[in-house]
Structures are given as C-alpha cells and as structure tokens.
Amino acid sequence: MKRGYHPAQQLGAELSRLWSLTLLSALGRTRAPKRQRGLSLAERRRNVAGSFAATGQVPGTVALVDDVYTSGSTASAAASALRRAGARRVEVVTFARAVRSIESIQRS
C-alpha cells in the first residue's frame, strides 16, 4: 500500500479477467489493526477480529483474494464478515503461502 498499489486488489483484478468473474470490492476495514508480525496465532486472531465489514450486497459464493496467507487470521476474519453479509460459501485464493510451523508463529 505504501508503494501506491494494493497487491491483493491487483491479483483479484487479474484473476477476474482470466476466470471471467465479476470483480467486487465487497469488504472494507472497520479499523486498522496493528501489524501482525511478531504476534502469536491467538494474538493474530484477536488483532483482526471484527476489522472487516461488507461494503454492499454480497453474492452467495465469493472468492476472497489475499496476496499472502500466513496464519489464516486475516482470511478468516474477512470470510466471517462476508458470511455475516450473506455469503454462503467463501473460497480463499492467495498468491503465496508463508510456510512456517504454528509453533514458530506462537513463539514470535
């Protein structure tokens, strides 16, 4: 974001073009959580809980796009907000997966 673009949004735009899907900006932040780096898994979940809300009507099936999946806390919080807004199925698509053991996340 500091570089002037949003990686997940760019990824979503390209995937929507390649897969012939409608691109929606269906989520907004309700607050800015603190950085996740260095937080345990439980702290990460608490940090992002309730930090997303739907910005309009949400279809029944949604592909949620994130650039990097680390602990899953952000994707889970975003998917919960989409389900509260009416999505019955939320599929998460990411560009990269941070490979670390849960133990190393909990120790950090």
C-alpha atoms as a PDB file:
ATOM      1  CA  MET A   1       0.000   0.000   0.000  1.00  0.00           C
ATOM      2  CA  LYS A   2       2.904   2.347   0.760  1.00  0.00           C
ATOM      3  CA  ARG A   3       4.102   1.790  -2.802  1.00  0.00           C
ATOM      4  CA  GLY A   4       0.843   3.129  -4.193  1.00  0.00           C
ATOM      5  CA  TYR A   5      -0.928  -0.117  -5.039  1.00  0.00           C
ATOM      6  CA  HIS A   6      -2.748  -2.928  -3.288  1.00  0.00           C
ATOM      7  CA  PRO A   7      -1.289  -6.367  -4.229  1.00  0.00           C
ATOM      8  CA  ALA A   8      -4.440  -8.361  -3.400  1.00  0.00           C
ATOM      9  CA  GLN A   9      -6.580  -5.978  -5.437  1.00  0.00           C
ATOM     10  CA  GLN A  10      -4.261  -6.303  -8.445  1.00  0.00           C
ATOM     11  CA  LEU A  11      -4.267 -10.088  -8.086  1.00  0.00           C
ATOM     12  CA  GLY A  12      -8.074 -10.102  -7.869  1.00  0.00           C
ATOM     13  CA  ALA A  13      -8.380  -7.940 -10.983  1.00  0.00           C
ATOM     14  CA  GLU A  14      -6.162 -10.282 -12.986  1.00  0.00           C
ATOM     15  CA  LEU A  15      -7.910 -13.421 -11.723  1.00  0.00           C
ATOM     16  CA  SER A  16     -11.322 -11.966 -12.515  1.00  0.00           C
ATOM     17  CA  ARG A  17     -10.127 -11.277 -16.061  1.00  0.00           C
ATOM     18  CA  LEU A  18      -8.584 -14.739 -16.512  1.00  0.00           C
ATOM     19  CA  TRP A  19     -11.501 -16.610 -14.932  1.00  0.00           C
ATOM     20  CA  SER A  20     -14.249 -14.374 -16.417  1.00  0.00           C
ATOM     21  CA  LEU A  21     -15.590 -13.477 -12.969  1.00  0.00           C
ATOM     22  CA  THR A  22     -17.072 -10.243 -11.719  1.00  0.00           C
ATOM     23  CA  LEU A  23     -14.673  -8.281  -9.548  1.00  0.00           C
ATOM     24  CA  LEU A  24     -16.279  -6.788  -6.444  1.00  0.00           C
ATOM     25  CA  SER A  25     -14.720  -4.699  -3.722  1.00  0.00           C
ATOM     26  CA  ALA A  26     -17.030  -6.203  -1.144  1.00  0.00           C
ATOM     27  CA  LEU A  27     -15.016  -5.584   2.021  1.00  0.00           C
ATOM     28  CA  GLY A  28     -13.856  -2.553   3.912  1.00  0.00           C
ATOM     29  CA  ARG A  29     -11.900  -2.123   7.100  1.00  0.00           C
ATOM     30  CA  THR A  30     -13.783  -1.059  10.202  1.00  0.00           C
ATOM     31  CA  ARG A  31     -10.487  -0.236  11.910  1.00  0.00           C
ATOM     32  CA  ALA A  32      -6.784  -0.565  11.232  1.00  0.00           C
ATOM     33  CA  PRO A  33      -5.340  -3.461  13.238  1.00  0.00           C
ATOM     34  CA  LYS A  34      -1.737  -3.346  14.381  1.00  0.00           C
ATOM     35  CA  ARG A  35       0.890  -5.202  12.358  1.00  0.00           C
ATOM     36  CA  GLN A  36       0.666  -8.985  12.601  1.00  0.00           C
ATOM     37  CA  ARG A  37       4.416  -9.572  12.571  1.00  0.00           C
ATOM     38  CA  GLY A  38       5.636 -10.962  15.866  1.00  0.00           C
ATOM     39  CA  LEU A  39       2.170 -11.858  17.166  1.00  0.00           C
ATOM     40  CA  SER A  40       1.220 -15.358  18.279  1.00  0.00           C
ATOM     41  CA  LEU A  41      -1.591 -17.159  16.480  1.00  0.00           C
ATOM     42  CA  ALA A  42      -4.105 -16.231  19.196  1.00  0.00           C
ATOM     43  CA  GLU A  43      -2.927 -12.606  19.155  1.00  0.00           C
ATOM     44  CA  ARG A  44      -3.231 -12.505  15.356  1.00  0.00           C
ATOM     45  CA  ARG A  45      -6.815 -13.735  15.532  1.00  0.00           C
ATOM     46  CA  ARG A  46      -7.745 -11.197  18.214  1.00  0.00           C
ATOM     47  CA  ASN A  47      -5.929  -8.433  16.336  1.00  0.00           C
ATOM     48  CA  VAL A  48      -8.030  -8.776  13.164  1.00  0.00           C
ATOM     49  CA  ALA A  49     -11.319  -9.938  14.703  1.00  0.00           C
ATOM     50  CA  GLY A  50     -14.068  -7.547  13.662  1.00  0.00           C
ATOM     51  CA  SER A  51     -11.766  -5.448  11.494  1.00  0.00           C
ATOM     52  CA  PHE A  52     -13.735  -6.109   8.267  1.00  0.00           C
ATOM     53  CA  ALA A  53     -17.285  -5.376   7.159  1.00  0.00           C
ATOM     54  CA  ALA A  54     -19.133  -5.841   3.896  1.00  0.00           C
ATOM     55  CA  THR A  55     -19.496  -2.663   1.865  1.00  0.00           C
ATOM     56  CA  GLY A  56     -22.577  -3.681  -0.068  1.00  0.00           C
ATOM     57  CA  GLN A  57     -24.575  -6.642  -1.246  1.00  0.00           C
ATOM     58  CA  VAL A  58     -22.562  -9.879  -1.181  1.00  0.00           C
ATOM     59  CA  PRO A  59     -23.264 -12.794  -3.544  1.00  0.00           C
ATOM     60  CA  GLY A  60     -23.856 -16.304  -2.222  1.00  0.00           C
ATOM     61  CA  THR A  61     -20.456 -17.562  -3.379  1.00  0.00           C
ATOM     62  CA  VAL A  62     -17.366 -15.395  -3.060  1.00  0.00           C
ATOM     63  CA  ALA A  63     -13.713 -15.864  -3.994  1.00  0.00           C
ATOM     64  CA  LEU A  64     -11.762 -13.936  -1.376  1.00  0.00           C
ATOM     65  CA  VAL A  65      -8.362 -12.863  -2.737  1.00  0.00           C
ATOM     66  CA  ASP A  66      -5.369 -12.223  -0.485  1.00  0.00           C
ATOM     67  CA  ASP A  67      -1.774 -11.765  -1.555  1.00  0.00           C
ATOM     68  CA  VAL A  68      -0.073 -13.782   1.223  1.00  0.00           C
ATOM     69  CA  TYR A  69      -1.630 -16.378   3.531  1.00  0.00           C
ATOM     70  CA  THR A  70       0.371 -16.616   6.743  1.00  0.00           C
ATOM     71  CA  SER A  71      -1.651 -17.798   9.746  1.00  0.00           C
ATOM     72  CA  GLY A  72      -5.086 -17.539   8.130  1.00  0.00           C
ATOM     73  CA  SER A  73      -6.279 -14.999  10.703  1.00  0.00           C
ATOM     74  CA  THR A  74      -6.908 -12.206   8.197  1.00  0.00           C
ATOM     75  CA  ALA A  75      -8.612 -14.507   5.693  1.00  0.00           C
ATOM     76  CA  SER A  76     -10.779 -15.950   8.461  1.00  0.00           C
ATOM     77  CA  ALA A  77     -11.843 -12.520   9.719  1.00  0.00           C
ATOM     78  CA  ALA A  78     -12.614 -11.353   6.182  1.00  0.00           C
ATOM     79  CA  ALA A  79     -14.559 -14.538   5.379  1.00  0.00           C
ATOM     80  CA  SER A  80     -16.566 -14.150   8.591  1.00  0.00           C
ATOM     81  CA  ALA A  81     -17.561 -10.631   7.573  1.00  0.00           C
ATOM     82  CA  LEU A  82     -18.628 -11.887   4.134  1.00  0.00           C
ATOM     83  CA  ARG A  83     -20.698 -14.698   5.692  1.00  0.00           C
ATOM     84  CA  ARG A  84     -22.362 -12.218   8.079  1.00  0.00           C
ATOM     85  CA  ALA A  85     -23.321 -10.214   4.980  1.00  0.00           C
ATOM     86  CA  GLY A  86     -24.956 -13.214   3.306  1.00  0.00           C
ATOM     87  CA  ALA A  87     -22.255 -15.264   1.566  1.00  0.00           C
ATOM     88  CA  ARG A  88     -22.951 -18.967   1.944  1.00  0.00           C
ATOM     89  CA  ARG A  89     -19.598 -20.078   0.531  1.00  0.00           C
ATOM     90  CA  VAL A  90     -16.249 -18.256   0.688  1.00  0.00           C
ATOM     91  CA  GLU A  91     -13.265 -19.648  -1.204  1.00  0.00           C
ATOM     92  CA  VAL A  92      -9.862 -18.146  -0.347  1.00  0.00           C
ATOM     93  CA  VAL A  93      -7.358 -17.617  -3.174  1.00  0.00           C
ATOM     94  CA  THR A  94      -3.828 -16.441  -2.403  1.00  0.00           C
ATOM     95  CA  PHE A  95      -0.713 -15.686  -4.391  1.00  0.00           C
ATOM     96  CA  ALA A  96       1.691 -17.045  -1.784  1.00  0.00           C
ATOM     97  CA  ARG A  97       1.651 -19.143   1.361  1.00  0.00           C
ATOM     98  CA  ALA A  98       4.109 -18.371   4.137  1.00  0.00           C
ATOM     99  CA  VAL A  99       5.411 -21.751   5.247  1.00  0.00           C
ATOM    100  CA  ARG A 100       6.101 -21.710   8.955  1.00  0.00           C
ATOM    101  CA  SER A 101       5.070 -24.023  11.695  1.00  0.00           C
ATOM    102  CA  ILE A 102       2.328 -22.890  14.054  1.00  0.00           C
ATOM    103  CA  GLU A 103       4.836 -23.286  16.877  1.00  0.00           C
ATOM    104  CA  SER A 104       7.126 -20.660  15.315  1.00  0.00           C
ATOM    105  CA  ILE A 105       4.190 -18.268  14.944  1.00  0.00           C
ATOM    106  CA  GLN A 106       3.221 -18.806  18.578  1.00  0.00           C
ATOM    107  CA  ARG A 107       6.800 -18.213  19.743  1.00  0.00           C
ATOM    108  CA  SER A 108       7.216 -14.992  17.745  1.00  0.00           C
END
